[in-house]
């Protein structure tokens, strides 16, 4: 199990390294974190205002994540 702060930093780094938004599954694959740890890190980052959900163009509901201006450190 990865430390939650380290997991959140891994998620933020993965979002910063690729343009646009990414799904939780894509982030899980690119960071190597288990899906549940990815979701926990995304939830914590979203609560902190560093990450925001945005609509998936294929489905239309918020299923992708992007950095907010606060997350662009």
PDB file of N, CA and C in Angstrom:
ATOM      1  N   UNK A   1       0.843  -1.179   0.000  1.00  0.00           N
ATOM      2  CA  UNK A   1       0.000   0.000   0.000  1.00  0.00           C
ATOM      3  C   UNK A   1       0.887   1.240   0.000  1.00  0.00           C
ATOM      4  N   UNK A   2       0.584   2.157  -0.877  1.00  0.00           N
ATOM      5  CA  UNK A   2       1.346   3.381  -1.040  1.00  0.00           C
ATOM      6  C   UNK A   2       0.827   4.450  -0.083  1.00  0.00           C
ATOM      7  N   UNK A   3       1.726   5.239   0.450  1.00  0.00           N
ATOM      8  CA  UNK A   3       1.350   6.372   1.287  1.00  0.00           C
ATOM      9  C   UNK A   3       0.403   7.254   0.483  1.00  0.00           C
ATOM     10  N   UNK A   4      -0.657   7.745   1.109  1.00  0.00           N
ATOM     11  CA  UNK A   4      -1.680   8.508   0.384  1.00  0.00           C
ATOM     12  C   UNK A   4      -1.147   9.815  -0.188  1.00  0.00           C
ATOM     13  N   UNK A   5      -0.205  10.446   0.481  1.00  0.00           N
ATOM     14  CA  UNK A   5       0.379  11.682  -0.037  1.00  0.00           C
ATOM     15  C   UNK A   5       1.230  11.379  -1.269  1.00  0.00           C
ATOM     16  N   UNK A   6       1.983  10.309  -1.211  1.00  0.00           N
ATOM     17  CA  UNK A   6       2.800   9.905  -2.358  1.00  0.00           C
ATOM     18  C   UNK A   6       1.900   9.544  -3.533  1.00  0.00           C
ATOM     19  N   UNK A   7       0.805   8.830  -3.267  1.00  0.00           N
ATOM     20  CA  UNK A   7      -0.130   8.458  -4.332  1.00  0.00           C
ATOM     21  C   UNK A   7      -0.731   9.705  -4.977  1.00  0.00           C
ATOM     22  N   UNK A   8      -1.113  10.692  -4.168  1.00  0.00           N
ATOM     23  CA  UNK A   8      -1.684  11.922  -4.714  1.00  0.00           C
ATOM     24  C   UNK A   8      -0.661  12.667  -5.565  1.00  0.00           C
ATOM     25  N   UNK A   9       0.581  12.707  -5.119  1.00  0.00           N
ATOM     26  CA  UNK A   9       1.631  13.350  -5.918  1.00  0.00           C
ATOM     27  C   UNK A   9       1.868  12.614  -7.231  1.00  0.00           C
ATOM     28  N   UNK A  10       1.791  11.296  -7.197  1.00  0.00           N
ATOM     29  CA  UNK A  10       1.941  10.515  -8.421  1.00  0.00           C
ATOM     30  C   UNK A  10       0.815  10.841  -9.408  1.00  0.00           C
ATOM     31  N   UNK A  11      -0.396  10.980  -8.899  1.00  0.00           N
ATOM     32  CA  UNK A  11      -1.555  11.315  -9.737  1.00  0.00           C
ATOM     33  C   UNK A  11      -1.379  12.708 -10.329  1.00  0.00           C
ATOM     34  N   UNK A  12      -0.991  13.673  -9.507  1.00  0.00           N
ATOM     35  CA  UNK A  12      -0.800  15.039  -9.995  1.00  0.00           C
ATOM     36  C   UNK A  12       0.295  15.100 -11.056  1.00  0.00           C
ATOM     37  N   UNK A  13       1.366  14.364 -10.847  1.00  0.00           N
ATOM     38  CA  UNK A  13       2.452  14.323 -11.824  1.00  0.00           C
ATOM     39  C   UNK A  13       1.991  13.690 -13.128  1.00  0.00           C
ATOM     40  N   UNK A  14       1.207  12.626 -13.035  1.00  0.00           N
ATOM     41  CA  UNK A  14       0.695  11.965 -14.246  1.00  0.00           C
ATOM     42  C   UNK A  14      -0.251  12.893 -15.012  1.00  0.00           C
ATOM     43  N   UNK A  15      -1.086  13.634 -14.313  1.00  0.00           N
ATOM     44  CA  UNK A  15      -1.991  14.577 -14.973  1.00  0.00           C
ATOM     45  C   UNK A  15      -1.214  15.727 -15.609  1.00  0.00           C
ATOM     46  N   UNK A  16      -0.158  16.134 -14.965  1.00  0.00           N
ATOM     47  CA  UNK A  16       0.639  17.235 -15.494  1.00  0.00           C
ATOM     48  C   UNK A  16       1.442  16.814 -16.718  1.00  0.00           C
ATOM     49  N   UNK A  17       1.811  15.561 -16.805  1.00  0.00           N
ATOM     50  CA  UNK A  17       2.683  15.095 -17.884  1.00  0.00           C
ATOM     51  C   UNK A  17       1.957  14.886 -19.203  1.00  0.00           C
ATOM     52  N   UNK A  18       0.643  14.829 -19.189  1.00  0.00           N
ATOM     53  CA  UNK A  18      -0.116  14.592 -20.423  1.00  0.00           C
ATOM     54  C   UNK A  18      -1.152  15.692 -20.604  1.00  0.00           C
ATOM     55  N   UNK A  19      -1.325  16.155 -21.820  1.00  0.00           N
ATOM     56  CA  UNK A  19      -2.325  17.203 -22.044  1.00  0.00           C
ATOM     57  C   UNK A  19      -3.745  16.668 -21.905  1.00  0.00           C
ATOM     58  N   UNK A  20      -4.651  17.549 -21.534  1.00  0.00           N
ATOM     59  CA  UNK A  20      -6.059  17.166 -21.445  1.00  0.00           C
ATOM     60  C   UNK A  20      -6.392  16.437 -20.164  1.00  0.00           C
ATOM     61  N   UNK A  21      -7.498  15.737 -20.208  1.00  0.00           N
ATOM     62  CA  UNK A  21      -7.987  15.014 -19.033  1.00  0.00           C
ATOM     63  C   UNK A  21      -7.745  13.525 -19.205  1.00  0.00           C
ATOM     64  N   UNK A  22      -7.769  12.810 -18.088  1.00  0.00           N
ATOM     65  CA  UNK A  22      -7.549  11.371 -18.104  1.00  0.00           C
ATOM     66  C   UNK A  22      -8.534  10.689 -17.164  1.00  0.00           C
ATOM     67  N   UNK A  23      -8.873   9.462 -17.488  1.00  0.00           N
ATOM     68  CA  UNK A  23      -9.779   8.699 -16.633  1.00  0.00           C
ATOM     69  C   UNK A  23      -8.993   8.088 -15.478  1.00  0.00           C
ATOM     70  N   UNK A  24      -9.721   7.636 -14.469  1.00  0.00           N
ATOM     71  CA  UNK A  24      -9.083   6.989 -13.322  1.00  0.00           C
ATOM     72  C   UNK A  24      -8.354   5.726 -13.760  1.00  0.00           C
ATOM     73  N   UNK A  25      -8.916   5.005 -14.699  1.00  0.00           N
ATOM     74  CA  UNK A  25      -8.272   3.785 -15.194  1.00  0.00           C
ATOM     75  C   UNK A  25      -6.959   4.111 -15.908  1.00  0.00           C
ATOM     76  N   UNK A  26      -6.959   5.168 -16.708  1.00  0.00           N
ATOM     77  CA  UNK A  26      -5.722   5.592 -17.380  1.00  0.00           C
ATOM     78  C   UNK A  26      -4.669   6.009 -16.364  1.00  0.00           C
ATOM     79  N   UNK A  27      -5.101   6.738 -15.343  1.00  0.00           N
ATOM     80  CA  UNK A  27      -4.160   7.173 -14.306  1.00  0.00           C
ATOM     81  C   UNK A  27      -3.623   5.996 -13.507  1.00  0.00           C
ATOM     82  N   UNK A  28      -4.468   5.031 -13.245  1.00  0.00           N
ATOM     83  CA  UNK A  28      -4.037   3.831 -12.531  1.00  0.00           C
ATOM     84  C   UNK A  28      -2.967   3.097 -13.337  1.00  0.00           C
ATOM     85  N   UNK A  29      -3.184   2.982 -14.629  1.00  0.00           N
ATOM     86  CA  UNK A  29      -2.215   2.306 -15.486  1.00  0.00           C
ATOM     87  C   UNK A  29      -0.907   3.057 -15.616  1.00  0.00           C
ATOM     88  N   UNK A  30      -0.971   4.375 -15.731  1.00  0.00           N
ATOM     89  CA  UNK A  30       0.261   5.147 -15.929  1.00  0.00           C
ATOM     90  C   UNK A  30       1.080   5.291 -14.650  1.00  0.00           C
ATOM     91  N   UNK A  31       0.423   5.259 -13.495  1.00  0.00           N
ATOM     92  CA  UNK A  31       1.162   5.388 -12.228  1.00  0.00           C
ATOM     93  C   UNK A  31       1.546   4.040 -11.633  1.00  0.00           C
ATOM     94  N   UNK A  32       0.865   2.992 -12.050  1.00  0.00           N
ATOM     95  CA  UNK A  32       1.127   1.676 -11.473  1.00  0.00           C
ATOM     96  C   UNK A  32       0.435   1.466 -10.138  1.00  0.00           C
ATOM     97  N   UNK A  33      -0.423   2.400  -9.754  1.00  0.00           N
ATOM     98  CA  UNK A  33      -1.155   2.263  -8.489  1.00  0.00           C
ATOM     99  C   UNK A  33      -2.383   1.391  -8.693  1.00  0.00           C
ATOM    100  N   UNK A  34      -2.784   0.641  -7.673  1.00  0.00           N
ATOM    101  CA  UNK A  34      -4.055  -0.094  -7.757  1.00  0.00           C
ATOM    102  C   UNK A  34      -5.216   0.895  -7.922  1.00  0.00           C
ATOM    103  N   UNK A  35      -6.288   0.433  -8.526  1.00  0.00           N
ATOM    104  CA  UNK A  35      -7.424   1.316  -8.816  1.00  0.00           C
ATOM    105  C   UNK A  35      -8.005   1.957  -7.557  1.00  0.00           C
ATOM    106  N   UNK A  36      -8.108   1.209  -6.458  1.00  0.00           N
ATOM    107  CA  UNK A  36      -8.680   1.786  -5.240  1.00  0.00           C
ATOM    108  C   UNK A  36      -7.800   2.897  -4.667  1.00  0.00           C
ATOM    109  N   UNK A  37      -6.484   2.739  -4.739  1.00  0.00           N
ATOM    110  CA  UNK A  37      -5.586   3.795  -4.272  1.00  0.00           C
ATOM    111  C   UNK A  37      -5.648   5.009  -5.197  1.00  0.00           C
ATOM    112  N   UNK A  38      -5.810   4.759  -6.486  1.00  0.00           N
ATOM    113  CA  UNK A  38      -5.956   5.851  -7.447  1.00  0.00           C
ATOM    114  C   UNK A  38      -7.210   6.655  -7.144  1.00  0.00           C
ATOM    115  N   UNK A  39      -8.310   5.964  -6.897  1.00  0.00           N
ATOM    116  CA  UNK A  39      -9.567   6.658  -6.604  1.00  0.00           C
ATOM    117  C   UNK A  39      -9.475   7.437  -5.295  1.00  0.00           C
ATOM    118  N   UNK A  40      -8.827   6.883  -4.291  1.00  0.00           N
ATOM    119  CA  UNK A  40      -8.650   7.578  -3.016  1.00  0.00           C
ATOM    120  C   UNK A  40      -7.810   8.834  -3.205  1.00  0.00           C
ATOM    121  N   UNK A  41      -6.728   8.729  -3.980  1.00  0.00           N
ATOM    122  CA  UNK A  41      -5.868   9.884  -4.239  1.00  0.00           C
ATOM    123  C   UNK A  41      -6.612  10.949  -5.048  1.00  0.00           C
ATOM    124  N   UNK A  42      -7.412  10.522  -6.017  1.00  0.00           N
ATOM    125  CA  UNK A  42      -8.198  11.477  -6.800  1.00  0.00           C
ATOM    126  C   UNK A  42      -9.232  12.182  -5.930  1.00  0.00           C
ATOM    127  N   UNK A  43      -9.883  11.435  -5.055  1.00  0.00           N
ATOM    128  CA  UNK A  43     -10.882  12.019  -4.173  1.00  0.00           C
ATOM    129  C   UNK A  43     -10.237  13.072  -3.267  1.00  0.00           C
ATOM    130  N   UNK A  44      -9.095  12.726  -2.682  1.00  0.00           N
ATOM    131  CA  UNK A  44      -8.410  13.666  -1.790  1.00  0.00           C
ATOM    132  C   UNK A  44      -7.923  14.895  -2.556  1.00  0.00           C
ATOM    133  N   UNK A  45      -7.416  14.692  -3.756  1.00  0.00           N
ATOM    134  CA  UNK A  45      -6.938  15.811  -4.568  1.00  0.00           C
ATOM    135  C   UNK A  45      -8.091  16.698  -5.019  1.00  0.00           C
ATOM    136  N   UNK A  46      -9.234  16.082  -5.290  1.00  0.00           N
ATOM    137  CA  UNK A  46     -10.410  16.851  -5.674  1.00  0.00           C
ATOM    138  C   UNK A  46     -10.913  17.680  -4.492  1.00  0.00           C
ATOM    139  N   UNK A  47     -10.923  17.090  -3.309  1.00  0.00           N
ATOM    140  CA  UNK A  47     -11.360  17.816  -2.107  1.00  0.00           C
ATOM    141  C   UNK A  47     -10.426  18.985  -1.793  1.00  0.00           C
ATOM    142  N   UNK A  48      -9.143  18.825  -2.131  1.00  0.00           N
ATOM    143  CA  UNK A  48      -8.167  19.894  -1.890  1.00  0.00           C
ATOM    144  C   UNK A  48      -8.199  20.959  -2.984  1.00  0.00           C
ATOM    145  N   UNK A  49      -8.970  20.728  -4.036  1.00  0.00           N
ATOM    146  CA  UNK A  49      -9.078  21.700  -5.109  1.00  0.00           C
ATOM    147  C   UNK A  49      -7.969  21.631  -6.142  1.00  0.00           C
ATOM    148  N   UNK A  50      -7.202  20.540  -6.139  1.00  0.00           N
ATOM    149  CA  UNK A  50      -6.091  20.394  -7.084  1.00  0.00           C
ATOM    150  C   UNK A  50      -6.507  19.710  -8.376  1.00  0.00           C
ATOM    151  N   UNK A  51      -7.575  18.926  -8.296  1.00  0.00           N
ATOM    152  CA  UNK A  51      -8.062  18.148  -9.440  1.00  0.00           C
ATOM    153  C   UNK A  51      -9.562  18.387  -9.562  1.00  0.00           C
ATOM    154  N   UNK A  52     -10.061  18.402 -10.788  1.00  0.00           N
ATOM    155  CA  UNK A  52     -11.494  18.572 -11.016  1.00  0.00           C
ATOM    156  C   UNK A  52     -11.987  17.502 -11.980  1.00  0.00           C
ATOM    157  N   UNK A  53     -13.231  17.081 -11.778  1.00  0.00           N
ATOM    158  CA  UNK A  53     -13.859  16.156 -12.723  1.00  0.00           C
ATOM    159  C   UNK A  53     -14.337  16.954 -13.923  1.00  0.00           C
ATOM    160  N   UNK A  54     -14.249  16.357 -15.080  1.00  0.00           N
ATOM    161  CA  UNK A  54     -14.779  17.009 -16.279  1.00  0.00           C
ATOM    162  C   UNK A  54     -15.511  15.956 -17.108  1.00  0.00           C
ATOM    163  N   UNK A  55     -16.438  16.383 -17.947  1.00  0.00           N
ATOM    164  CA  UNK A  55     -17.239  15.429 -18.718  1.00  0.00           C
ATOM    165  C   UNK A  55     -16.411  14.637 -19.725  1.00  0.00           C
ATOM    166  N   UNK A  56     -16.756  13.401 -19.860  1.00  0.00           N
ATOM    167  CA  UNK A  56     -16.182  12.529 -20.871  1.00  0.00           C
ATOM    168  C   UNK A  56     -16.963  12.787 -22.161  1.00  0.00           C
ATOM    169  N   UNK A  57     -16.284  13.101 -23.229  1.00  0.00           N
ATOM    170  CA  UNK A  57     -16.973  13.454 -24.480  1.00  0.00           C
ATOM    171  C   UNK A  57     -17.779  12.285 -25.048  1.00  0.00           C
ATOM    172  N   UNK A  58     -17.379  11.074 -24.738  1.00  0.00           N
ATOM    173  CA  UNK A  58     -18.108   9.912 -25.261  1.00  0.00           C
ATOM    174  C   UNK A  58     -19.376   9.619 -24.478  1.00  0.00           C
ATOM    175  N   UNK A  59     -19.340   9.856 -23.177  1.00  0.00           N
ATOM    176  CA  UNK A  59     -20.483   9.493 -22.332  1.00  0.00           C
ATOM    177  C   UNK A  59     -21.258  10.697 -21.832  1.00  0.00           C
ATOM    178  N   UNK A  60     -20.597  11.832 -21.699  1.00  0.00           N
ATOM    179  CA  UNK A  60     -21.271  13.048 -21.276  1.00  0.00           C
ATOM    180  C   UNK A  60     -21.360  13.269 -19.780  1.00  0.00           C
ATOM    181  N   UNK A  61     -20.933  12.331 -18.968  1.00  0.00           N
ATOM    182  CA  UNK A  61     -20.966  12.551 -17.524  1.00  0.00           C
ATOM    183  C   UNK A  61     -19.537  12.704 -17.006  1.00  0.00           C
ATOM    184  N   UNK A  62     -19.371  13.354 -15.856  1.00  0.00           N
ATOM    185  CA  UNK A  62     -18.010  13.596 -15.350  1.00  0.00           C
ATOM    186  C   UNK A  62     -17.293  12.293 -15.011  1.00  0.00           C
ATOM    187  N   UNK A  63     -16.427  11.869 -15.870  1.00  0.00           N
ATOM    188  CA  UNK A  63     -15.698  10.629 -15.639  1.00  0.00           C
ATOM    189  C   UNK A  63     -14.216  10.761 -15.895  1.00  0.00           C
ATOM    190  N   UNK A  64     -13.769  11.986 -16.148  1.00  0.00           N
ATOM    191  CA  UNK A  64     -12.357  12.220 -16.401  1.00  0.00           C
ATOM    192  C   UNK A  64     -11.866  13.288 -15.426  1.00  0.00           C
ATOM    193  N   UNK A  65     -10.576  13.355 -15.250  1.00  0.00           N
ATOM    194  CA  UNK A  65      -9.994  14.283 -14.287  1.00  0.00           C
ATOM    195  C   UNK A  65      -8.966  15.168 -14.974  1.00  0.00           C
ATOM    196  N   UNK A  66      -8.886  16.396 -14.515  1.00  0.00           N
ATOM    197  CA  UNK A  66      -7.891  17.341 -15.019  1.00  0.00           C
ATOM    198  C   UNK A  66      -7.382  18.161 -13.843  1.00  0.00           C
ATOM    199  N   UNK A  67      -6.227  18.777 -14.039  1.00  0.00           N
ATOM    200  CA  UNK A  67      -5.677  19.656 -13.009  1.00  0.00           C
ATOM    201  C   UNK A  67      -6.452  20.968 -12.986  1.00  0.00           C
ATOM    202  N   UNK A  68      -6.605  21.523 -11.819  1.00  0.00           N
ATOM    203  CA  UNK A  68      -7.137  22.876 -11.705  1.00  0.00           C
ATOM    204  C   UNK A  68      -5.953  23.841 -11.720  1.00  0.00           C
ATOM    205  N   UNK A  69      -6.220  25.115 -11.693  1.00  0.00           N
ATOM    206  CA  UNK A  69      -5.115  26.080 -11.660  1.00  0.00           C
ATOM    207  C   UNK A  69      -4.305  25.928 -10.381  1.00  0.00           C
ATOM    208  N   UNK A  70      -4.949  25.563  -9.302  1.00  0.00           N
ATOM    209  CA  UNK A  70      -4.232  25.357  -8.037  1.00  0.00           C
ATOM    210  C   UNK A  70      -3.312  24.147  -8.123  1.00  0.00           C
ATOM    211  N   UNK A  71      -3.658  23.176  -8.961  1.00  0.00           N
ATOM    212  CA  UNK A  71      -2.845  21.974  -9.101  1.00  0.00           C
ATOM    213  C   UNK A  71      -1.683  22.128 -10.049  1.00  0.00           C
ATOM    214  N   UNK A  72      -1.603  23.255 -10.733  1.00  0.00           N
ATOM    215  CA  UNK A  72      -0.523  23.470 -11.711  1.00  0.00           C
ATOM    216  C   UNK A  72       0.683  24.086 -11.041  1.00  0.00           C
ATOM    217  N   UNK A  73       1.202  23.467 -10.079  1.00  0.00           N
ATOM    218  CA  UNK A  73       2.366  23.927  -9.333  1.00  0.00           C
ATOM    219  C   UNK A  73       3.533  23.838 -10.224  1.00  0.00           C
TER     220      UNK A  73
END
